[in-house]
Amino acid sequence: KEKNALSDEMRKIEEYINQALYYSRSTDVSNDYIVKEFEIKDAIQEAIRNNRRDFINKKISVDIEKVYGKVITDIKWVKFILNQVIINSIKYGANKGGILKAYTTNGKDKIILTIEDNGIGILKNDVNRVFDKGFTGENGRKYGKSTGIGLYLCKKLCEKLGLGITLTSVEGEGTKVNIV
């Protein structure tokens, strides 16, 4: 049990280091692109696998059955973005009966990947600021788990990759992130 707790803590430290590295490279991503076609489901499955312990510990169920489609972009950066979104879903997930759902919708010349949870949601006043650098919001202060960098990096990286990212949330009901 102690060994598991220790490896969980080590993984969290790794995540923060990873975040810092991506942050330092985010100003000039252009040198670090490998653009190729990949299945969206593969990327989301890997991000879920990376966080499987937390899903198990918090008893959060996962539904990715309706994720379809291939995209052409950099899989490493996309996996980082997905990982950040999933970490937030776990962090601010429902205490009982937590669910993380991901699905794709086809638009004209684009695919929208939606990741939604039934967690604590985000205060109405905070929703428009979640992508701001350093913004932790009410939840971040209350739960003391926020760096204010994760979603900021997601937005920045999406801009560099030519992807869109939006977030909607209802306090007490959950959060929905769309990556276009």
N, C-alpha and C. Protein backbone atom coordinates (compact mmCIF):
# COMPACT_ATOMS: atom_id res chain seq x y z
N LYS A 1 0.82 -1.20 0.00
CA LYS A 1 0.00 0.00 0.00
C LYS A 1 0.87 1.27 0.00
N GLU A 2 1.90 1.29 0.86
CA GLU A 2 2.81 2.44 0.91
C GLU A 2 3.56 2.61 -0.40
N LYS A 3 3.93 1.45 -1.01
CA LYS A 3 4.64 1.48 -2.28
C LYS A 3 3.77 2.11 -3.37
N ASN A 4 2.47 1.76 -3.38
CA ASN A 4 1.52 2.34 -4.34
C ASN A 4 1.37 3.84 -4.11
N ALA A 5 1.24 4.23 -2.87
CA ALA A 5 1.10 5.66 -2.54
C ALA A 5 2.34 6.43 -2.97
N LEU A 6 3.51 5.82 -2.73
CA LEU A 6 4.76 6.46 -3.12
C LEU A 6 4.87 6.59 -4.64
N SER A 7 4.50 5.52 -5.35
CA SER A 7 4.58 5.61 -6.82
C SER A 7 3.55 6.59 -7.37
N ASP A 8 2.40 6.74 -6.70
CA ASP A 8 1.42 7.76 -7.10
C ASP A 8 2.01 9.16 -6.96
N GLU A 9 2.67 9.40 -5.83
CA GLU A 9 3.30 10.69 -5.59
C GLU A 9 4.41 10.96 -6.60
N MET A 10 5.19 9.93 -6.91
CA MET A 10 6.26 10.07 -7.90
C MET A 10 5.68 10.44 -9.26
N ARG A 11 4.55 9.81 -9.61
CA ARG A 11 3.90 10.08 -10.89
C ARG A 11 3.41 11.53 -10.94
N LYS A 12 2.88 12.01 -9.81
CA LYS A 12 2.40 13.40 -9.76
C LYS A 12 3.57 14.37 -9.94
N ILE A 13 4.69 14.07 -9.30
CA ILE A 13 5.89 14.91 -9.46
C ILE A 13 6.33 14.91 -10.92
N GLU A 14 6.29 13.72 -11.53
CA GLU A 14 6.63 13.59 -12.94
C GLU A 14 5.72 14.46 -13.81
N GLU A 15 4.43 14.47 -13.48
CA GLU A 15 3.46 15.28 -14.21
C GLU A 15 3.82 16.77 -14.12
N TYR A 16 4.18 17.23 -12.91
CA TYR A 16 4.54 18.64 -12.73
C TYR A 16 5.81 18.98 -13.50
N ILE A 17 6.77 18.07 -13.50
CA ILE A 17 8.01 18.29 -14.25
C ILE A 17 7.69 18.36 -15.74
N ASN A 18 6.86 17.42 -16.18
CA ASN A 18 6.42 17.37 -17.57
C ASN A 18 5.74 18.69 -17.96
N GLN A 19 4.87 19.16 -17.08
CA GLN A 19 4.16 20.42 -17.32
C GLN A 19 5.16 21.57 -17.46
N ALA A 20 6.15 21.59 -16.58
CA ALA A 20 7.16 22.65 -16.63
C ALA A 20 7.95 22.59 -17.93
N LEU A 21 8.30 21.38 -18.36
CA LEU A 21 9.04 21.23 -19.62
C LEU A 21 8.21 21.70 -20.81
N TYR A 22 6.94 21.29 -20.84
CA TYR A 22 6.07 21.73 -21.93
C TYR A 22 5.89 23.24 -21.89
N TYR A 23 5.79 23.79 -20.68
CA TYR A 23 5.64 25.23 -20.54
C TYR A 23 6.85 25.95 -21.12
N SER A 24 8.04 25.45 -20.80
CA SER A 24 9.25 26.11 -21.29
C SER A 24 9.39 25.99 -22.80
N ARG A 25 8.86 24.90 -23.37
CA ARG A 25 8.96 24.71 -24.82
C ARG A 25 7.80 25.34 -25.58
N SER A 26 6.73 25.73 -24.86
CA SER A 26 5.51 26.19 -25.52
C SER A 26 5.70 27.48 -26.31
N THR A 27 6.74 28.24 -25.99
CA THR A 27 6.95 29.48 -26.73
C THR A 27 7.45 29.22 -28.13
N ASP A 28 8.13 28.07 -28.32
CA ASP A 28 8.61 27.74 -29.66
C ASP A 28 8.42 26.25 -29.95
N VAL A 29 7.19 25.90 -30.23
CA VAL A 29 6.84 24.51 -30.53
C VAL A 29 7.31 24.13 -31.93
N SER A 30 7.51 25.11 -32.78
CA SER A 30 7.76 24.85 -34.20
C SER A 30 8.91 23.88 -34.47
N ASN A 31 9.89 23.83 -33.57
CA ASN A 31 11.01 22.91 -33.77
C ASN A 31 10.71 21.49 -33.33
N ASP A 32 9.60 21.30 -32.68
CA ASP A 32 9.34 20.02 -32.04
C ASP A 32 8.06 19.35 -32.55
N TYR A 33 7.75 19.52 -33.81
CA TYR A 33 6.56 18.91 -34.41
C TYR A 33 6.90 17.62 -35.13
N ILE A 34 6.11 16.60 -34.93
CA ILE A 34 6.12 15.46 -35.83
C ILE A 34 4.66 15.23 -36.21
N VAL A 35 4.29 15.72 -37.37
CA VAL A 35 2.89 15.67 -37.79
C VAL A 35 2.65 14.38 -38.56
N LYS A 36 1.67 13.61 -38.08
CA LYS A 36 1.29 12.39 -38.79
C LYS A 36 -0.15 12.05 -38.46
N GLU A 37 -0.70 11.11 -39.21
CA GLU A 37 -2.07 10.69 -38.99
C GLU A 37 -2.13 9.66 -37.86
N PHE A 38 -3.13 9.80 -36.99
CA PHE A 38 -3.32 8.81 -35.93
C PHE A 38 -4.80 8.76 -35.53
N GLU A 39 -5.16 7.64 -34.91
CA GLU A 39 -6.52 7.46 -34.39
C GLU A 39 -6.66 8.25 -33.10
N ILE A 40 -7.73 9.04 -33.00
CA ILE A 40 -7.97 9.83 -31.78
C ILE A 40 -8.11 8.89 -30.58
N LYS A 41 -8.76 7.75 -30.80
CA LYS A 41 -9.00 6.81 -29.71
C LYS A 41 -7.68 6.32 -29.10
N ASP A 42 -6.65 6.13 -29.93
CA ASP A 42 -5.35 5.69 -29.41
C ASP A 42 -4.77 6.72 -28.43
N ALA A 43 -4.89 7.98 -28.80
CA ALA A 43 -4.35 9.05 -27.95
C ALA A 43 -5.10 9.13 -26.63
N ILE A 44 -6.43 9.04 -26.68
CA ILE A 44 -7.21 9.15 -25.45
C ILE A 44 -7.03 7.91 -24.57
N GLN A 45 -6.90 6.74 -25.20
CA GLN A 45 -6.66 5.52 -24.42
C GLN A 45 -5.35 5.61 -23.65
N GLU A 46 -4.33 6.15 -24.29
CA GLU A 46 -3.04 6.28 -23.61
C GLU A 46 -3.11 7.26 -22.45
N ALA A 47 -3.81 8.38 -22.65
CA ALA A 47 -3.96 9.36 -21.57
C ALA A 47 -4.73 8.74 -20.39
N ILE A 48 -5.72 7.92 -20.69
CA ILE A 48 -6.48 7.25 -19.63
C ILE A 48 -5.59 6.22 -18.92
N ARG A 49 -4.82 5.47 -19.71
CA ARG A 49 -3.90 4.48 -19.13
C ARG A 49 -2.90 5.16 -18.18
N ASN A 50 -2.39 6.32 -18.58
CA ASN A 50 -1.44 7.07 -17.74
C ASN A 50 -2.02 7.43 -16.38
N ASN A 51 -3.34 7.57 -16.33
CA ASN A 51 -4.01 8.00 -15.10
C ASN A 51 -4.87 6.90 -14.48
N ARG A 52 -4.67 5.66 -14.92
CA ARG A 52 -5.56 4.56 -14.50
C ARG A 52 -5.64 4.39 -12.99
N ARG A 53 -4.51 4.57 -12.30
CA ARG A 53 -4.52 4.42 -10.84
C ARG A 53 -5.50 5.38 -10.18
N ASP A 54 -5.49 6.64 -10.66
CA ASP A 54 -6.39 7.65 -10.08
C ASP A 54 -7.85 7.33 -10.40
N PHE A 55 -8.10 6.82 -11.61
CA PHE A 55 -9.47 6.41 -11.96
C PHE A 55 -9.94 5.31 -11.02
N ILE A 56 -9.05 4.36 -10.75
CA ILE A 56 -9.40 3.24 -9.86
C ILE A 56 -9.59 3.73 -8.43
N ASN A 57 -8.63 4.51 -7.93
CA ASN A 57 -8.70 5.01 -6.55
C ASN A 57 -9.95 5.84 -6.29
N LYS A 58 -10.34 6.65 -7.27
CA LYS A 58 -11.52 7.51 -7.09
C LYS A 58 -12.81 6.86 -7.62
N LYS A 59 -12.67 5.60 -8.09
CA LYS A 59 -13.82 4.85 -8.62
C LYS A 59 -14.57 5.61 -9.71
N ILE A 60 -13.80 6.17 -10.65
CA ILE A 60 -14.38 6.92 -11.77
C ILE A 60 -14.48 5.97 -12.96
N SER A 61 -15.69 5.86 -13.52
CA SER A 61 -15.84 5.01 -14.70
C SER A 61 -15.55 5.81 -15.96
N VAL A 62 -15.12 5.10 -17.00
CA VAL A 62 -14.70 5.74 -18.24
C VAL A 62 -15.52 5.17 -19.40
N ASP A 63 -16.00 6.07 -20.26
CA ASP A 63 -16.73 5.65 -21.46
C ASP A 63 -16.14 6.38 -22.66
N ILE A 64 -15.41 5.61 -23.49
CA ILE A 64 -14.84 6.20 -24.71
C ILE A 64 -15.30 5.44 -25.95
N GLU A 65 -16.43 4.76 -25.81
CA GLU A 65 -16.95 3.93 -26.90
C GLU A 65 -17.25 4.73 -28.17
N LYS A 66 -17.64 5.99 -28.01
CA LYS A 66 -18.05 6.77 -29.18
C LYS A 66 -16.96 7.71 -29.68
N VAL A 67 -15.71 7.30 -29.52
CA VAL A 67 -14.58 8.07 -30.05
C VAL A 67 -14.14 7.41 -31.35
N TYR A 68 -14.29 8.14 -32.45
CA TYR A 68 -13.92 7.63 -33.77
C TYR A 68 -13.13 8.68 -34.52
N GLY A 69 -12.38 8.22 -35.51
CA GLY A 69 -11.78 9.16 -36.45
C GLY A 69 -10.28 9.29 -36.34
N LYS A 70 -9.72 9.72 -37.46
CA LYS A 70 -8.28 9.96 -37.54
C LYS A 70 -8.06 11.46 -37.73
N VAL A 71 -6.94 11.93 -37.19
CA VAL A 71 -6.55 13.32 -37.37
C VAL A 71 -5.09 13.37 -37.79
N ILE A 72 -4.71 14.50 -38.35
CA ILE A 72 -3.31 14.69 -38.75
C ILE A 72 -2.77 15.88 -37.95
N THR A 73 -1.95 15.56 -36.96
CA THR A 73 -1.31 16.57 -36.13
C THR A 73 -0.20 15.88 -35.34
N ASP A 74 0.33 16.54 -34.33
CA ASP A 74 1.39 15.95 -33.53
C ASP A 74 0.79 15.20 -32.34
N ILE A 75 0.93 13.88 -32.33
CA ILE A 75 0.31 13.04 -31.30
C ILE A 75 0.87 13.32 -29.91
N LYS A 76 2.17 13.63 -29.81
CA LYS A 76 2.78 13.86 -28.49
C LYS A 76 2.14 15.06 -27.80
N TRP A 77 1.98 16.15 -28.56
CA TRP A 77 1.39 17.36 -28.00
C TRP A 77 -0.09 17.14 -27.69
N VAL A 78 -0.79 16.42 -28.57
CA VAL A 78 -2.22 16.13 -28.33
C VAL A 78 -2.38 15.28 -27.07
N LYS A 79 -1.50 14.30 -26.89
CA LYS A 79 -1.58 13.46 -25.69
C LYS A 79 -1.34 14.29 -24.43
N PHE A 80 -0.44 15.25 -24.53
CA PHE A 80 -0.20 16.14 -23.38
C PHE A 80 -1.47 16.93 -23.05
N ILE A 81 -2.12 17.47 -24.08
CA ILE A 81 -3.36 18.24 -23.89
C ILE A 81 -4.44 17.36 -23.27
N LEU A 82 -4.63 16.16 -23.83
CA LEU A 82 -5.64 15.24 -23.31
C LEU A 82 -5.34 14.88 -21.86
N ASN A 83 -4.09 14.66 -21.57
CA ASN A 83 -3.68 14.31 -20.21
C ASN A 83 -4.04 15.41 -19.22
N GLN A 84 -3.80 16.66 -19.60
CA GLN A 84 -4.13 17.79 -18.73
C GLN A 84 -5.63 17.86 -18.45
N VAL A 85 -6.42 17.67 -19.50
CA VAL A 85 -7.88 17.73 -19.36
C VAL A 85 -8.36 16.58 -18.46
N ILE A 86 -7.81 15.39 -18.67
CA ILE A 86 -8.20 14.22 -17.89
C ILE A 86 -7.78 14.37 -16.42
N ILE A 87 -6.58 14.90 -16.19
CA ILE A 87 -6.12 15.13 -14.81
C ILE A 87 -7.11 16.06 -14.09
N ASN A 88 -7.56 17.12 -14.77
CA ASN A 88 -8.53 18.03 -14.17
C ASN A 88 -9.85 17.33 -13.86
N SER A 89 -10.29 16.48 -14.79
CA SER A 89 -11.54 15.74 -14.56
C SER A 89 -11.44 14.86 -13.32
N ILE A 90 -10.29 14.25 -13.15
CA ILE A 90 -10.07 13.38 -11.98
C ILE A 90 -9.99 14.24 -10.71
N LYS A 91 -9.19 15.30 -10.79
CA LYS A 91 -8.97 16.18 -9.65
C LYS A 91 -10.28 16.74 -9.10
N TYR A 92 -11.13 17.18 -10.00
CA TYR A 92 -12.38 17.83 -9.59
C TYR A 92 -13.59 16.95 -9.89
N GLY A 93 -13.36 15.63 -9.86
CA GLY A 93 -14.42 14.67 -10.17
C GLY A 93 -15.43 14.54 -9.05
N ALA A 94 -16.53 13.88 -9.38
CA ALA A 94 -17.58 13.61 -8.39
C ALA A 94 -17.02 12.66 -7.33
N ASN A 95 -17.44 12.85 -6.09
CA ASN A 95 -16.95 11.98 -5.02
C ASN A 95 -17.55 10.58 -5.09
N LYS A 96 -18.74 10.50 -5.62
CA LYS A 96 -19.38 9.19 -5.79
C LYS A 96 -19.93 9.11 -7.20
N GLY A 97 -19.79 7.95 -7.83
CA GLY A 97 -20.36 7.76 -9.17
C GLY A 97 -19.75 8.65 -10.23
N GLY A 98 -18.44 8.87 -10.13
CA GLY A 98 -17.76 9.71 -11.11
C GLY A 98 -17.71 9.05 -12.48
N ILE A 99 -17.94 9.85 -13.51
CA ILE A 99 -17.92 9.35 -14.89
C ILE A 99 -17.11 10.31 -15.75
N LEU A 100 -16.23 9.76 -16.58
CA LEU A 100 -15.56 10.54 -17.60
C LEU A 100 -16.00 9.95 -18.93
N LYS A 101 -16.55 10.81 -19.76
CA LYS A 101 -17.05 10.37 -21.06
C LYS A 101 -16.33 11.13 -22.15
N ALA A 102 -15.92 10.42 -23.20
CA ALA A 102 -15.31 11.09 -24.36
C ALA A 102 -16.02 10.58 -25.60
N TYR A 103 -16.26 11.48 -26.54
CA TYR A 103 -16.91 11.10 -27.79
C TYR A 103 -16.53 12.11 -28.87
N THR A 104 -16.67 11.70 -30.12
CA THR A 104 -16.34 12.60 -31.23
C THR A 104 -17.60 12.93 -32.02
N THR A 105 -17.58 14.12 -32.61
CA THR A 105 -18.64 14.59 -33.49
C THR A 105 -17.96 15.09 -34.75
N ASN A 106 -18.53 14.77 -35.90
CA ASN A 106 -17.95 15.23 -37.16
C ASN A 106 -18.59 16.54 -37.58
N GLY A 107 -17.73 17.50 -37.91
CA GLY A 107 -18.20 18.75 -38.48
C GLY A 107 -17.67 18.83 -39.89
N LYS A 108 -17.87 19.96 -40.55
CA LYS A 108 -17.35 20.14 -41.91
C LYS A 108 -15.83 20.30 -41.82
N ASP A 109 -15.10 19.37 -42.41
CA ASP A 109 -13.62 19.39 -42.39
C ASP A 109 -13.00 19.38 -41.00
N LYS A 110 -13.73 18.88 -40.00
CA LYS A 110 -13.13 18.83 -38.66
C LYS A 110 -13.81 17.75 -37.82
N ILE A 111 -13.11 17.36 -36.80
CA ILE A 111 -13.64 16.42 -35.81
C ILE A 111 -13.58 17.14 -34.47
N ILE A 112 -14.64 17.03 -33.70
CA ILE A 112 -14.65 17.61 -32.36
C ILE A 112 -14.60 16.48 -31.35
N LEU A 113 -13.57 16.49 -30.52
CA LEU A 113 -13.45 15.52 -29.44
C LEU A 113 -13.97 16.21 -28.18
N THR A 114 -14.96 15.60 -27.56
CA THR A 114 -15.53 16.15 -26.33
C THR A 114 -15.16 15.23 -25.18
N ILE A 115 -14.66 15.83 -24.12
CA ILE A 115 -14.38 15.10 -22.88
C ILE A 115 -15.23 15.76 -21.80
N GLU A 116 -16.11 14.96 -21.21
CA GLU A 116 -16.97 15.55 -20.18
C GLU A 116 -16.97 14.69 -18.92
N ASP A 117 -17.20 15.38 -17.81
CA ASP A 117 -17.27 14.67 -16.53
C ASP A 117 -18.49 15.16 -15.76
N ASN A 118 -18.81 14.46 -14.68
CA ASN A 118 -19.92 14.87 -13.83
C ASN A 118 -19.38 15.31 -12.48
N GLY A 119 -18.26 16.04 -12.54
CA GLY A 119 -17.59 16.50 -11.32
C GLY A 119 -18.24 17.73 -10.71
N ILE A 120 -17.44 18.45 -9.92
CA ILE A 120 -17.97 19.59 -9.16
C ILE A 120 -18.27 20.81 -10.03
N GLY A 121 -17.76 20.81 -11.25
CA GLY A 121 -18.01 21.94 -12.14
C GLY A 121 -17.21 23.17 -11.74
N ILE A 122 -17.42 24.23 -12.51
CA ILE A 122 -16.67 25.47 -12.30
C ILE A 122 -17.66 26.60 -12.10
N LEU A 123 -17.37 27.48 -11.15
CA LEU A 123 -18.22 28.64 -10.89
C LEU A 123 -18.39 29.47 -12.16
N LYS A 124 -19.59 29.97 -12.35
CA LYS A 124 -19.92 30.77 -13.53
C LYS A 124 -18.93 31.91 -13.76
N ASN A 125 -18.54 32.59 -12.70
CA ASN A 125 -17.61 33.72 -12.80
C ASN A 125 -16.20 33.29 -13.23
N ASP A 126 -15.87 32.02 -13.00
CA ASP A 126 -14.52 31.53 -13.28
C ASP A 126 -14.37 30.92 -14.68
N VAL A 127 -15.46 30.47 -15.28
CA VAL A 127 -15.41 29.70 -16.53
C VAL A 127 -14.64 30.42 -17.63
N ASN A 128 -14.86 31.71 -17.80
CA ASN A 128 -14.20 32.45 -18.88
C ASN A 128 -12.73 32.72 -18.64
N ARG A 129 -12.25 32.38 -17.44
CA ARG A 129 -10.85 32.69 -17.11
C ARG A 129 -9.98 31.45 -16.98
N VAL A 130 -10.54 30.24 -17.19
CA VAL A 130 -9.80 29.00 -16.94
C VAL A 130 -8.55 28.84 -17.82
N PHE A 131 -8.52 29.48 -18.97
CA PHE A 131 -7.37 29.37 -19.86
C PHE A 131 -6.32 30.46 -19.60
N ASP A 132 -6.59 31.36 -18.64
CA ASP A 132 -5.65 32.43 -18.31
C ASP A 132 -4.45 31.88 -17.53
N LYS A 133 -3.28 32.36 -17.83
CA LYS A 133 -2.06 31.91 -17.17
C LYS A 133 -2.14 32.18 -15.67
N GLY A 134 -1.91 31.14 -14.89
CA GLY A 134 -1.88 31.28 -13.44
C GLY A 134 -3.23 31.33 -12.76
N PHE A 135 -4.32 31.27 -13.52
CA PHE A 135 -5.65 31.37 -12.91
C PHE A 135 -6.02 30.04 -12.25
N THR A 136 -6.31 30.08 -10.94
CA THR A 136 -6.68 28.85 -10.23
C THR A 136 -8.16 28.81 -9.86
N GLY A 137 -8.79 29.96 -9.82
CA GLY A 137 -10.22 30.00 -9.54
C GLY A 137 -10.57 29.55 -8.13
N GLU A 138 -11.85 29.59 -7.85
CA GLU A 138 -12.38 29.23 -6.53
C GLU A 138 -12.04 27.77 -6.18
N ASN A 139 -12.24 26.87 -7.15
CA ASN A 139 -11.97 25.45 -6.90
C ASN A 139 -10.50 25.19 -6.60
N GLY A 140 -9.64 25.84 -7.35
CA GLY A 140 -8.20 25.68 -7.15
C GLY A 140 -7.78 26.12 -5.76
N ARG A 141 -8.39 27.20 -5.27
CA ARG A 141 -8.07 27.69 -3.93
C ARG A 141 -8.67 26.78 -2.87
N LYS A 142 -9.91 26.37 -3.11
CA LYS A 142 -10.63 25.53 -2.14
C LYS A 142 -9.97 24.17 -1.96
N TYR A 143 -9.58 23.56 -3.08
CA TYR A 143 -9.02 22.21 -3.02
C TYR A 143 -7.50 22.21 -3.02
N GLY A 144 -6.90 23.37 -3.25
CA GLY A 144 -5.46 23.53 -3.17
C GLY A 144 -4.66 22.62 -4.09
N LYS A 145 -5.22 22.28 -5.24
CA LYS A 145 -4.53 21.34 -6.14
C LYS A 145 -4.20 21.96 -7.48
N SER A 146 -4.37 23.26 -7.62
CA SER A 146 -4.25 23.87 -8.93
C SER A 146 -2.99 24.71 -9.07
N THR A 147 -2.34 24.57 -10.24
CA THR A 147 -1.17 25.40 -10.53
C THR A 147 -1.55 26.59 -11.42
N GLY A 148 -2.72 26.49 -12.08
CA GLY A 148 -3.12 27.54 -13.00
C GLY A 148 -2.35 27.52 -14.30
N ILE A 149 -1.66 26.42 -14.57
CA ILE A 149 -0.83 26.33 -15.78
C ILE A 149 -1.39 25.32 -16.78
N GLY A 150 -2.02 24.25 -16.31
CA GLY A 150 -2.48 23.15 -17.18
C GLY A 150 -3.35 23.59 -18.35
N LEU A 151 -4.47 24.24 -18.07
CA LEU A 151 -5.38 24.65 -19.14
C LEU A 151 -4.80 25.79 -19.97
N TYR A 152 -4.00 26.64 -19.33
CA TYR A 152 -3.31 27.70 -20.07
C TYR A 152 -2.42 27.08 -21.14
N LEU A 153 -1.65 26.04 -20.76
CA LEU A 153 -0.79 25.35 -21.71
C LEU A 153 -1.60 24.68 -22.80
N CYS A 154 -2.72 24.07 -22.43
CA CYS A 154 -3.59 23.42 -23.42
C CYS A 154 -4.00 24.42 -24.49
N LYS A 155 -4.44 25.59 -24.06
CA LYS A 155 -4.88 26.63 -24.99
C LYS A 155 -3.73 27.07 -25.89
N LYS A 156 -2.59 27.31 -25.29
CA LYS A 156 -1.42 27.78 -26.02
C LYS A 156 -0.98 26.74 -27.06
N LEU A 157 -0.93 25.47 -26.65
CA LEU A 157 -0.51 24.40 -27.55
C LEU A 157 -1.53 24.19 -28.66
N CYS A 158 -2.82 24.28 -28.32
CA CYS A 158 -3.86 24.16 -29.35
C CYS A 158 -3.69 25.25 -30.41
N GLU A 159 -3.41 26.47 -29.96
CA GLU A 159 -3.20 27.57 -30.91
C GLU A 159 -2.03 27.26 -31.83
N LYS A 160 -0.93 26.75 -31.26
CA LYS A 160 0.26 26.43 -32.07
C LYS A 160 -0.03 25.31 -33.07
N LEU A 161 -0.88 24.35 -32.67
CA LEU A 161 -1.19 23.20 -33.53
C LEU A 161 -2.34 23.49 -34.51
N GLY A 162 -2.96 24.66 -34.37
CA GLY A 162 -4.11 24.98 -35.23
C GLY A 162 -5.37 24.26 -34.79
N LEU A 163 -5.45 23.91 -33.51
CA LEU A 163 -6.65 23.27 -32.96
C LEU A 163 -7.44 24.29 -32.17
N GLY A 164 -8.71 24.00 -31.98
CA GLY A 164 -9.54 24.85 -31.14
C GLY A 164 -9.78 24.14 -29.82
N ILE A 165 -9.97 24.91 -28.75
CA ILE A 165 -10.34 24.30 -27.47
C ILE A 165 -11.31 25.23 -26.76
N THR A 166 -12.41 24.66 -26.29
CA THR A 166 -13.40 25.43 -25.53
C THR A 166 -13.80 24.63 -24.31
N LEU A 167 -14.30 25.33 -23.32
CA LEU A 167 -14.73 24.68 -22.09
C LEU A 167 -16.05 25.28 -21.63
N THR A 168 -16.98 24.41 -21.28
CA THR A 168 -18.23 24.85 -20.65
C THR A 168 -18.40 24.06 -19.37
N SER A 169 -19.08 24.66 -18.39
CA SER A 169 -19.24 23.98 -17.12
C SER A 169 -20.45 24.51 -16.38
N VAL A 170 -21.05 23.62 -15.60
CA VAL A 170 -22.13 24.02 -14.72
C VAL A 170 -21.73 23.59 -13.32
N GLU A 171 -21.69 24.56 -12.41
CA GLU A 171 -21.29 24.27 -11.04
C GLU A 171 -22.17 23.17 -10.45
N GLY A 172 -21.53 22.16 -9.89
CA GLY A 172 -22.26 21.05 -9.27
C GLY A 172 -22.70 19.97 -10.24
N GLU A 173 -22.50 20.20 -11.54
CA GLU A 173 -22.96 19.21 -12.53
C GLU A 173 -21.83 18.62 -13.36
N GLY A 174 -20.79 19.41 -13.62
CA GLY A 174 -19.68 18.88 -14.40
C GLY A 174 -19.12 19.86 -15.41
N THR A 175 -18.14 19.36 -16.15
CA THR A 175 -17.41 20.18 -17.11
C THR A 175 -17.27 19.45 -18.43
N LYS A 176 -17.29 20.22 -19.49
CA LYS A 176 -17.19 19.67 -20.85
C LYS A 176 -16.12 20.45 -21.60
N VAL A 177 -15.13 19.73 -22.15
CA VAL A 177 -14.08 20.35 -22.94
C VAL A 177 -14.18 19.84 -24.36
N ASN A 178 -14.20 20.76 -25.32
CA ASN A 178 -14.21 20.41 -26.75
C ASN A 178 -12.86 20.75 -27.36
N ILE A 179 -12.26 19.76 -28.02
CA ILE A 179 -11.03 20.01 -28.76
C ILE A 179 -11.36 19.80 -30.24
N VAL A 180 -11.17 20.85 -31.04
CA VAL A 180 -11.56 20.83 -32.45
C VAL A 180 -10.34 20.58 -33.31
